[in-house]
Amino acid sequence: MTSPAAPLDDEAMATLVASRSLLGFVARSLAPVLDTMTMPQYRVLVVLDGAGSLRMSDLAERVGVHPSTLSRTVEKLVTAGWLDRAASEDSRREVHVSLSDAGVRLVGTVTAERRAAIATVLAGMEPADRAAVRQGMELFARAAGEASPPDLLELGL
């Protein structure tokens, strides 16, 4: 007898297989970056690319790390030239971080490489299949709490 969750097993497995392909695109696009930073550090850059300048506490929440961990990460990224850090105009106790010009260029380059690789695969598909992939990805992203495609286009992602 199958459990009530069994029907989801096929969908979960299909999504897992697709995620392996997507992870390949991510890994290839990040390969040059990983010589200079870790994946969690790059995640900080991506979050700031989408959000703009953030207070350290807000950034820690969005990245899902403890503020003290984020503080060390931000220090490394500021030292490397990927981030800018400044005291808040409202309160000197609040620190805001944002992407430096180099950080903006880095995220843009990685994103463009990933987009081009994915577009190459999609170009080999029939239009109806591309539409199905888009719909499925939009639904999955929404259920996972990610930004909607129009929001991503505004971000350049």
N, C-alpha and C. Protein backbone atom coordinates (compact mmCIF):
# COMPACT_ATOMS: atom_id res chain seq x y z
N MET A 1 0.84 -1.19 0.00
CA MET A 1 0.00 0.00 0.00
C MET A 1 0.88 1.24 0.00
N THR A 2 0.49 2.27 -0.76
CA THR A 2 1.27 3.48 -0.84
C THR A 2 0.78 4.51 0.16
N SER A 3 1.68 5.34 0.60
CA SER A 3 1.30 6.39 1.54
C SER A 3 0.67 7.55 0.79
N PRO A 4 -0.04 8.44 1.50
CA PRO A 4 -0.64 9.60 0.83
C PRO A 4 0.42 10.47 0.14
N ALA A 5 1.65 10.45 0.62
CA ALA A 5 2.71 11.26 0.03
C ALA A 5 3.31 10.61 -1.21
N ALA A 6 3.02 9.34 -1.45
CA ALA A 6 3.63 8.62 -2.56
C ALA A 6 3.44 9.31 -3.91
N PRO A 7 2.26 9.86 -4.23
CA PRO A 7 2.14 10.54 -5.51
C PRO A 7 3.14 11.69 -5.67
N LEU A 8 3.53 12.30 -4.57
CA LEU A 8 4.50 13.38 -4.65
C LEU A 8 5.91 12.87 -4.89
N ASP A 9 6.15 11.61 -4.64
CA ASP A 9 7.49 11.07 -4.83
C ASP A 9 7.95 11.20 -6.29
N ASP A 10 7.08 10.92 -7.24
CA ASP A 10 7.44 11.05 -8.65
C ASP A 10 7.76 12.51 -9.01
N GLU A 11 6.93 13.44 -8.51
CA GLU A 11 7.17 14.85 -8.78
C GLU A 11 8.45 15.32 -8.10
N ALA A 12 8.66 14.86 -6.87
CA ALA A 12 9.88 15.24 -6.15
C ALA A 12 11.12 14.70 -6.88
N MET A 13 11.04 13.48 -7.37
CA MET A 13 12.18 12.90 -8.08
C MET A 13 12.44 13.65 -9.39
N ALA A 14 11.40 13.97 -10.13
CA ALA A 14 11.57 14.72 -11.38
C ALA A 14 12.17 16.10 -11.10
N THR A 15 11.73 16.73 -10.03
CA THR A 15 12.28 18.04 -9.65
C THR A 15 13.73 17.91 -9.22
N LEU A 16 14.04 16.84 -8.50
CA LEU A 16 15.41 16.60 -8.07
C LEU A 16 16.33 16.42 -9.28
N VAL A 17 15.90 15.65 -10.25
CA VAL A 17 16.70 15.44 -11.46
C VAL A 17 16.91 16.76 -12.19
N ALA A 18 15.85 17.55 -12.32
CA ALA A 18 15.98 18.85 -12.98
C ALA A 18 16.91 19.76 -12.19
N SER A 19 16.84 19.68 -10.87
CA SER A 19 17.70 20.54 -10.05
C SER A 19 19.17 20.18 -10.23
N ARG A 20 19.46 18.92 -10.53
CA ARG A 20 20.85 18.54 -10.82
C ARG A 20 21.36 19.26 -12.05
N SER A 21 20.52 19.35 -13.07
CA SER A 21 20.90 20.08 -14.29
C SER A 21 21.14 21.54 -13.97
N LEU A 22 20.22 22.13 -13.22
CA LEU A 22 20.36 23.53 -12.86
C LEU A 22 21.60 23.77 -12.00
N LEU A 23 21.86 22.83 -11.10
CA LEU A 23 23.06 22.96 -10.27
C LEU A 23 24.32 22.93 -11.12
N GLY A 24 24.29 22.17 -12.20
CA GLY A 24 25.42 22.16 -13.13
C GLY A 24 25.65 23.53 -13.74
N PHE A 25 24.57 24.21 -14.14
CA PHE A 25 24.69 25.57 -14.66
C PHE A 25 25.26 26.51 -13.60
N VAL A 26 24.75 26.36 -12.39
CA VAL A 26 25.23 27.20 -11.29
C VAL A 26 26.71 26.95 -11.03
N ALA A 27 27.09 25.70 -10.95
CA ALA A 27 28.49 25.36 -10.66
C ALA A 27 29.43 25.89 -11.74
N ARG A 28 29.05 25.73 -13.00
CA ARG A 28 29.91 26.21 -14.08
C ARG A 28 30.01 27.74 -14.08
N SER A 29 28.91 28.42 -13.81
CA SER A 29 28.94 29.88 -13.82
C SER A 29 29.71 30.44 -12.62
N LEU A 30 29.73 29.68 -11.53
CA LEU A 30 30.42 30.14 -10.32
C LEU A 30 31.87 29.67 -10.22
N ALA A 31 32.29 28.78 -11.09
CA ALA A 31 33.63 28.21 -10.99
C ALA A 31 34.72 29.28 -10.85
N PRO A 32 34.72 30.32 -11.67
CA PRO A 32 35.77 31.33 -11.52
C PRO A 32 35.68 32.10 -10.20
N VAL A 33 34.47 32.28 -9.70
CA VAL A 33 34.24 33.03 -8.47
C VAL A 33 34.71 32.26 -7.24
N LEU A 34 34.54 30.95 -7.26
CA LEU A 34 34.84 30.14 -6.08
C LEU A 34 36.33 30.09 -5.76
N ASP A 35 37.16 30.63 -6.63
CA ASP A 35 38.58 30.77 -6.31
C ASP A 35 38.80 31.91 -5.32
N THR A 36 37.83 32.84 -5.28
CA THR A 36 38.01 34.02 -4.44
C THR A 36 37.01 34.14 -3.31
N MET A 37 35.95 33.33 -3.33
CA MET A 37 34.96 33.40 -2.26
C MET A 37 34.19 32.09 -2.14
N THR A 38 33.51 31.94 -1.02
CA THR A 38 32.71 30.75 -0.77
C THR A 38 31.30 30.95 -1.32
N MET A 39 30.55 29.86 -1.41
CA MET A 39 29.15 29.95 -1.83
C MET A 39 28.34 30.84 -0.89
N PRO A 40 28.47 30.69 0.44
CA PRO A 40 27.71 31.59 1.33
C PRO A 40 28.08 33.06 1.13
N GLN A 41 29.34 33.34 0.84
CA GLN A 41 29.73 34.72 0.57
C GLN A 41 29.08 35.22 -0.72
N TYR A 42 29.06 34.37 -1.74
CA TYR A 42 28.42 34.77 -2.98
C TYR A 42 26.93 34.99 -2.78
N ARG A 43 26.31 34.18 -1.94
CA ARG A 43 24.88 34.33 -1.64
C ARG A 43 24.60 35.72 -1.06
N VAL A 44 25.50 36.22 -0.23
CA VAL A 44 25.35 37.57 0.33
C VAL A 44 25.32 38.59 -0.81
N LEU A 45 26.21 38.42 -1.78
CA LEU A 45 26.25 39.35 -2.92
C LEU A 45 24.94 39.31 -3.70
N VAL A 46 24.42 38.11 -3.92
CA VAL A 46 23.17 37.96 -4.69
C VAL A 46 22.00 38.60 -3.94
N VAL A 47 21.93 38.39 -2.65
CA VAL A 47 20.84 38.99 -1.86
C VAL A 47 20.92 40.51 -1.94
N LEU A 48 22.12 41.06 -1.79
CA LEU A 48 22.27 42.52 -1.88
C LEU A 48 22.00 43.04 -3.29
N ASP A 49 22.31 42.25 -4.29
CA ASP A 49 22.03 42.65 -5.66
C ASP A 49 20.53 42.84 -5.85
N GLY A 50 19.75 41.97 -5.23
CA GLY A 50 18.30 42.07 -5.35
C GLY A 50 17.66 43.09 -4.44
N ALA A 51 18.29 43.33 -3.29
CA ALA A 51 17.65 44.17 -2.29
C ALA A 51 18.24 45.58 -2.20
N GLY A 52 19.42 45.77 -2.71
CA GLY A 52 20.09 47.05 -2.52
C GLY A 52 20.74 47.10 -1.15
N SER A 53 20.95 48.27 -0.64
CA SER A 53 21.59 48.44 0.67
C SER A 53 20.67 47.90 1.77
N LEU A 54 21.26 47.14 2.69
CA LEU A 54 20.49 46.58 3.80
C LEU A 54 21.24 46.78 5.12
N ARG A 55 20.46 46.88 6.20
CA ARG A 55 21.06 46.85 7.53
C ARG A 55 21.62 45.45 7.74
N MET A 56 22.68 45.36 8.52
CA MET A 56 23.30 44.07 8.78
C MET A 56 22.29 43.07 9.33
N SER A 57 21.44 43.50 10.25
CA SER A 57 20.47 42.58 10.84
C SER A 57 19.48 42.06 9.80
N ASP A 58 19.05 42.93 8.90
CA ASP A 58 18.12 42.50 7.85
C ASP A 58 18.80 41.55 6.87
N LEU A 59 20.05 41.83 6.54
CA LEU A 59 20.80 40.95 5.65
C LEU A 59 21.00 39.58 6.29
N ALA A 60 21.34 39.55 7.57
CA ALA A 60 21.53 38.27 8.27
C ALA A 60 20.25 37.45 8.21
N GLU A 61 19.11 38.10 8.41
CA GLU A 61 17.82 37.39 8.35
C GLU A 61 17.56 36.84 6.96
N ARG A 62 17.80 37.64 5.94
CA ARG A 62 17.54 37.20 4.57
C ARG A 62 18.47 36.07 4.13
N VAL A 63 19.70 36.10 4.61
CA VAL A 63 20.65 35.06 4.25
C VAL A 63 20.46 33.83 5.12
N GLY A 64 19.85 34.02 6.30
CA GLY A 64 19.59 32.90 7.19
C GLY A 64 20.77 32.51 8.05
N VAL A 65 21.54 33.51 8.49
CA VAL A 65 22.68 33.23 9.36
C VAL A 65 22.62 34.12 10.59
N HIS A 66 23.39 33.76 11.59
CA HIS A 66 23.49 34.56 12.81
C HIS A 66 24.24 35.85 12.48
N PRO A 67 23.82 36.96 13.08
CA PRO A 67 24.49 38.24 12.78
C PRO A 67 26.01 38.22 12.99
N SER A 68 26.50 37.49 13.98
CA SER A 68 27.96 37.46 14.19
C SER A 68 28.66 36.73 13.04
N THR A 69 28.03 35.69 12.52
CA THR A 69 28.59 34.99 11.36
C THR A 69 28.60 35.92 10.16
N LEU A 70 27.50 36.65 9.96
CA LEU A 70 27.41 37.57 8.84
C LEU A 70 28.46 38.67 8.98
N SER A 71 28.70 39.14 10.17
CA SER A 71 29.68 40.20 10.37
C SER A 71 31.05 39.79 9.86
N ARG A 72 31.46 38.57 10.15
CA ARG A 72 32.75 38.07 9.66
C ARG A 72 32.74 37.94 8.14
N THR A 73 31.64 37.45 7.60
CA THR A 73 31.52 37.31 6.15
C THR A 73 31.60 38.66 5.46
N VAL A 74 30.86 39.63 5.98
CA VAL A 74 30.85 40.97 5.40
C VAL A 74 32.24 41.58 5.47
N GLU A 75 32.92 41.40 6.59
CA GLU A 75 34.28 41.95 6.73
C GLU A 75 35.19 41.42 5.62
N LYS A 76 35.12 40.12 5.36
CA LYS A 76 35.93 39.52 4.29
C LYS A 76 35.56 40.10 2.93
N LEU A 77 34.26 40.28 2.68
CA LEU A 77 33.80 40.78 1.38
C LEU A 77 34.13 42.27 1.20
N VAL A 78 34.11 43.03 2.28
CA VAL A 78 34.51 44.44 2.21
C VAL A 78 36.01 44.52 1.91
N THR A 79 36.80 43.73 2.63
CA THR A 79 38.25 43.71 2.44
C THR A 79 38.61 43.32 1.01
N ALA A 80 37.85 42.38 0.44
CA ALA A 80 38.11 41.93 -0.93
C ALA A 80 37.60 42.91 -1.99
N GLY A 81 36.82 43.91 -1.57
CA GLY A 81 36.34 44.91 -2.51
C GLY A 81 34.99 44.62 -3.13
N TRP A 82 34.28 43.60 -2.65
CA TRP A 82 32.98 43.23 -3.23
C TRP A 82 31.82 44.01 -2.61
N LEU A 83 32.00 44.49 -1.37
CA LEU A 83 30.94 45.20 -0.66
C LEU A 83 31.44 46.54 -0.15
N ASP A 84 30.48 47.45 0.05
CA ASP A 84 30.71 48.71 0.75
C ASP A 84 29.92 48.67 2.04
N ARG A 85 30.48 49.27 3.09
CA ARG A 85 29.82 49.29 4.39
C ARG A 85 29.82 50.73 4.88
N ALA A 86 28.69 51.16 5.46
CA ALA A 86 28.59 52.53 5.97
C ALA A 86 27.65 52.57 7.16
N ALA A 87 27.91 53.52 8.04
CA ALA A 87 27.00 53.75 9.17
C ALA A 87 25.72 54.36 8.63
N SER A 88 24.61 54.02 9.26
CA SER A 88 23.32 54.56 8.87
C SER A 88 23.29 56.07 9.13
N GLU A 89 22.59 56.80 8.27
CA GLU A 89 22.42 58.23 8.49
C GLU A 89 21.54 58.49 9.70
N ASP A 90 20.64 57.55 10.01
CA ASP A 90 19.72 57.71 11.13
C ASP A 90 20.34 57.33 12.48
N SER A 91 21.18 56.32 12.46
CA SER A 91 21.76 55.83 13.71
C SER A 91 23.15 55.27 13.43
N ARG A 92 24.14 55.84 14.06
CA ARG A 92 25.51 55.39 13.84
C ARG A 92 25.72 53.94 14.30
N ARG A 93 24.82 53.44 15.14
CA ARG A 93 24.95 52.05 15.60
C ARG A 93 24.52 51.06 14.53
N GLU A 94 23.71 51.52 13.59
CA GLU A 94 23.28 50.65 12.50
C GLU A 94 24.29 50.72 11.36
N VAL A 95 24.63 49.55 10.84
CA VAL A 95 25.54 49.47 9.72
C VAL A 95 24.78 48.95 8.51
N HIS A 96 24.97 49.63 7.39
CA HIS A 96 24.35 49.22 6.13
C HIS A 96 25.45 48.69 5.21
N VAL A 97 25.11 47.66 4.46
CA VAL A 97 26.05 47.13 3.47
C VAL A 97 25.37 47.12 2.11
N SER A 98 26.19 47.28 1.09
CA SER A 98 25.70 47.25 -0.29
C SER A 98 26.81 46.74 -1.18
N LEU A 99 26.44 46.37 -2.38
CA LEU A 99 27.44 45.91 -3.34
C LEU A 99 28.32 47.08 -3.77
N SER A 100 29.59 46.83 -3.89
CA SER A 100 30.49 47.80 -4.51
C SER A 100 30.30 47.70 -6.01
N ASP A 101 30.93 48.59 -6.76
CA ASP A 101 30.85 48.50 -8.22
C ASP A 101 31.39 47.15 -8.70
N ALA A 102 32.47 46.68 -8.06
CA ALA A 102 33.04 45.38 -8.44
C ALA A 102 32.06 44.26 -8.14
N GLY A 103 31.34 44.35 -7.03
CA GLY A 103 30.35 43.35 -6.67
C GLY A 103 29.20 43.32 -7.66
N VAL A 104 28.76 44.49 -8.09
CA VAL A 104 27.68 44.57 -9.09
C VAL A 104 28.13 43.90 -10.39
N ARG A 105 29.36 44.21 -10.82
CA ARG A 105 29.87 43.60 -12.06
C ARG A 105 29.99 42.09 -11.93
N LEU A 106 30.47 41.61 -10.79
CA LEU A 106 30.64 40.17 -10.59
C LEU A 106 29.31 39.43 -10.67
N VAL A 107 28.31 39.90 -9.93
CA VAL A 107 27.00 39.24 -9.95
C VAL A 107 26.41 39.32 -11.36
N GLY A 108 26.57 40.44 -12.02
CA GLY A 108 26.06 40.57 -13.38
C GLY A 108 26.71 39.61 -14.35
N THR A 109 28.02 39.45 -14.24
CA THR A 109 28.75 38.53 -15.13
C THR A 109 28.32 37.09 -14.90
N VAL A 110 28.28 36.68 -13.64
CA VAL A 110 27.89 35.29 -13.32
C VAL A 110 26.47 35.02 -13.78
N THR A 111 25.57 35.97 -13.55
CA THR A 111 24.18 35.80 -13.94
C THR A 111 24.04 35.72 -15.46
N ALA A 112 24.76 36.56 -16.17
CA ALA A 112 24.69 36.55 -17.63
C ALA A 112 25.20 35.23 -18.20
N GLU A 113 26.27 34.69 -17.63
CA GLU A 113 26.79 33.40 -18.10
C GLU A 113 25.78 32.29 -17.86
N ARG A 114 25.16 32.30 -16.69
CA ARG A 114 24.16 31.27 -16.36
C ARG A 114 22.95 31.40 -17.27
N ARG A 115 22.49 32.62 -17.47
CA ARG A 115 21.33 32.85 -18.34
C ARG A 115 21.60 32.36 -19.76
N ALA A 116 22.78 32.63 -20.29
CA ALA A 116 23.13 32.21 -21.65
C ALA A 116 23.15 30.68 -21.76
N ALA A 117 23.71 30.02 -20.76
CA ALA A 117 23.77 28.55 -20.80
C ALA A 117 22.36 27.94 -20.75
N ILE A 118 21.52 28.49 -19.90
CA ILE A 118 20.15 27.98 -19.80
C ILE A 118 19.38 28.28 -21.08
N ALA A 119 19.57 29.47 -21.64
CA ALA A 119 18.89 29.83 -22.89
C ALA A 119 19.27 28.90 -24.03
N THR A 120 20.52 28.44 -24.03
CA THR A 120 20.95 27.50 -25.08
C THR A 120 20.16 26.20 -24.99
N VAL A 121 19.96 25.70 -23.80
CA VAL A 121 19.17 24.48 -23.62
C VAL A 121 17.72 24.72 -24.02
N LEU A 122 17.15 25.82 -23.56
CA LEU A 122 15.76 26.13 -23.88
C LEU A 122 15.55 26.32 -25.38
N ALA A 123 16.53 26.87 -26.07
CA ALA A 123 16.42 27.10 -27.51
C ALA A 123 16.28 25.79 -28.28
N GLY A 124 16.76 24.69 -27.71
CA GLY A 124 16.65 23.39 -28.36
C GLY A 124 15.32 22.70 -28.11
N MET A 125 14.43 23.35 -27.39
CA MET A 125 13.13 22.77 -27.06
C MET A 125 12.04 23.37 -27.94
N GLU A 126 10.97 22.63 -28.09
CA GLU A 126 9.80 23.13 -28.79
C GLU A 126 9.16 24.25 -27.97
N PRO A 127 8.52 25.22 -28.64
CA PRO A 127 7.90 26.33 -27.90
C PRO A 127 6.93 25.89 -26.80
N ALA A 128 6.13 24.87 -27.07
CA ALA A 128 5.18 24.41 -26.05
C ALA A 128 5.90 23.83 -24.83
N ASP A 129 7.00 23.15 -25.09
CA ASP A 129 7.78 22.60 -23.98
C ASP A 129 8.45 23.72 -23.17
N ARG A 130 8.95 24.74 -23.88
CA ARG A 130 9.54 25.89 -23.17
C ARG A 130 8.49 26.56 -22.29
N ALA A 131 7.28 26.69 -22.81
CA ALA A 131 6.20 27.31 -22.04
C ALA A 131 5.88 26.46 -20.81
N ALA A 132 5.89 25.15 -20.97
CA ALA A 132 5.62 24.26 -19.83
C ALA A 132 6.73 24.38 -18.78
N VAL A 133 7.98 24.46 -19.24
CA VAL A 133 9.11 24.62 -18.31
C VAL A 133 8.95 25.93 -17.55
N ARG A 134 8.65 27.00 -18.28
CA ARG A 134 8.49 28.30 -17.62
C ARG A 134 7.39 28.25 -16.58
N GLN A 135 6.25 27.70 -16.94
CA GLN A 135 5.14 27.64 -16.00
C GLN A 135 5.52 26.83 -14.77
N GLY A 136 6.14 25.68 -14.99
CA GLY A 136 6.55 24.85 -13.86
C GLY A 136 7.57 25.54 -12.96
N MET A 137 8.52 26.20 -13.57
CA MET A 137 9.54 26.91 -12.78
C MET A 137 8.93 28.07 -12.00
N GLU A 138 8.02 28.82 -12.64
CA GLU A 138 7.36 29.92 -11.95
C GLU A 138 6.56 29.42 -10.76
N LEU A 139 5.82 28.33 -10.95
CA LEU A 139 5.04 27.76 -9.85
C LEU A 139 5.94 27.28 -8.72
N PHE A 140 7.01 26.60 -9.07
CA PHE A 140 7.92 26.08 -8.05
C PHE A 140 8.58 27.23 -7.29
N ALA A 141 9.06 28.24 -8.02
CA ALA A 141 9.71 29.39 -7.38
C ALA A 141 8.75 30.10 -6.43
N ARG A 142 7.52 30.27 -6.87
CA ARG A 142 6.52 30.94 -6.02
C ARG A 142 6.27 30.13 -4.76
N ALA A 143 6.12 28.81 -4.91
CA ALA A 143 5.87 27.95 -3.75
C ALA A 143 7.06 27.96 -2.79
N ALA A 144 8.26 28.15 -3.34
CA ALA A 144 9.47 28.18 -2.51
C ALA A 144 9.75 29.56 -1.94
N GLY A 145 8.92 30.55 -2.30
CA GLY A 145 9.08 31.88 -1.75
C GLY A 145 10.09 32.75 -2.48
N GLU A 146 10.42 32.39 -3.70
CA GLU A 146 11.37 33.19 -4.48
C GLU A 146 10.64 34.30 -5.21
N ALA A 147 11.42 35.26 -5.71
CA ALA A 147 10.86 36.38 -6.46
C ALA A 147 10.21 35.87 -7.74
N SER A 148 9.17 36.55 -8.17
CA SER A 148 8.51 36.17 -9.41
C SER A 148 9.36 36.59 -10.61
N PRO A 149 9.18 35.97 -11.76
CA PRO A 149 10.00 36.30 -12.94
C PRO A 149 10.04 37.79 -13.29
N PRO A 150 8.93 38.56 -13.25
CA PRO A 150 9.07 39.98 -13.55
C PRO A 150 10.02 40.67 -12.56
N ASP A 151 9.97 40.27 -11.28
CA ASP A 151 10.88 40.82 -10.29
C ASP A 151 12.32 40.46 -10.64
N LEU A 152 12.53 39.22 -11.08
CA LEU A 152 13.87 38.79 -11.43
C LEU A 152 14.40 39.54 -12.65
N LEU A 153 13.53 39.81 -13.60
CA LEU A 153 13.97 40.55 -14.79
C LEU A 153 14.41 41.96 -14.41
N GLU A 154 13.68 42.57 -13.46
CA GLU A 154 14.07 43.90 -12.99
C GLU A 154 15.43 43.85 -12.30
N LEU A 155 15.73 42.72 -11.66
CA LEU A 155 17.00 42.57 -10.96
C LEU A 155 18.12 42.17 -11.89
N GLY A 156 17.79 41.82 -13.11
CA GLY A 156 18.82 41.36 -14.04
C GLY A 156 19.20 39.92 -13.81
N LEU A 157 18.33 39.14 -13.15
CA LEU A 157 18.65 37.73 -12.87
C LEU A 157 17.93 36.80 -13.82
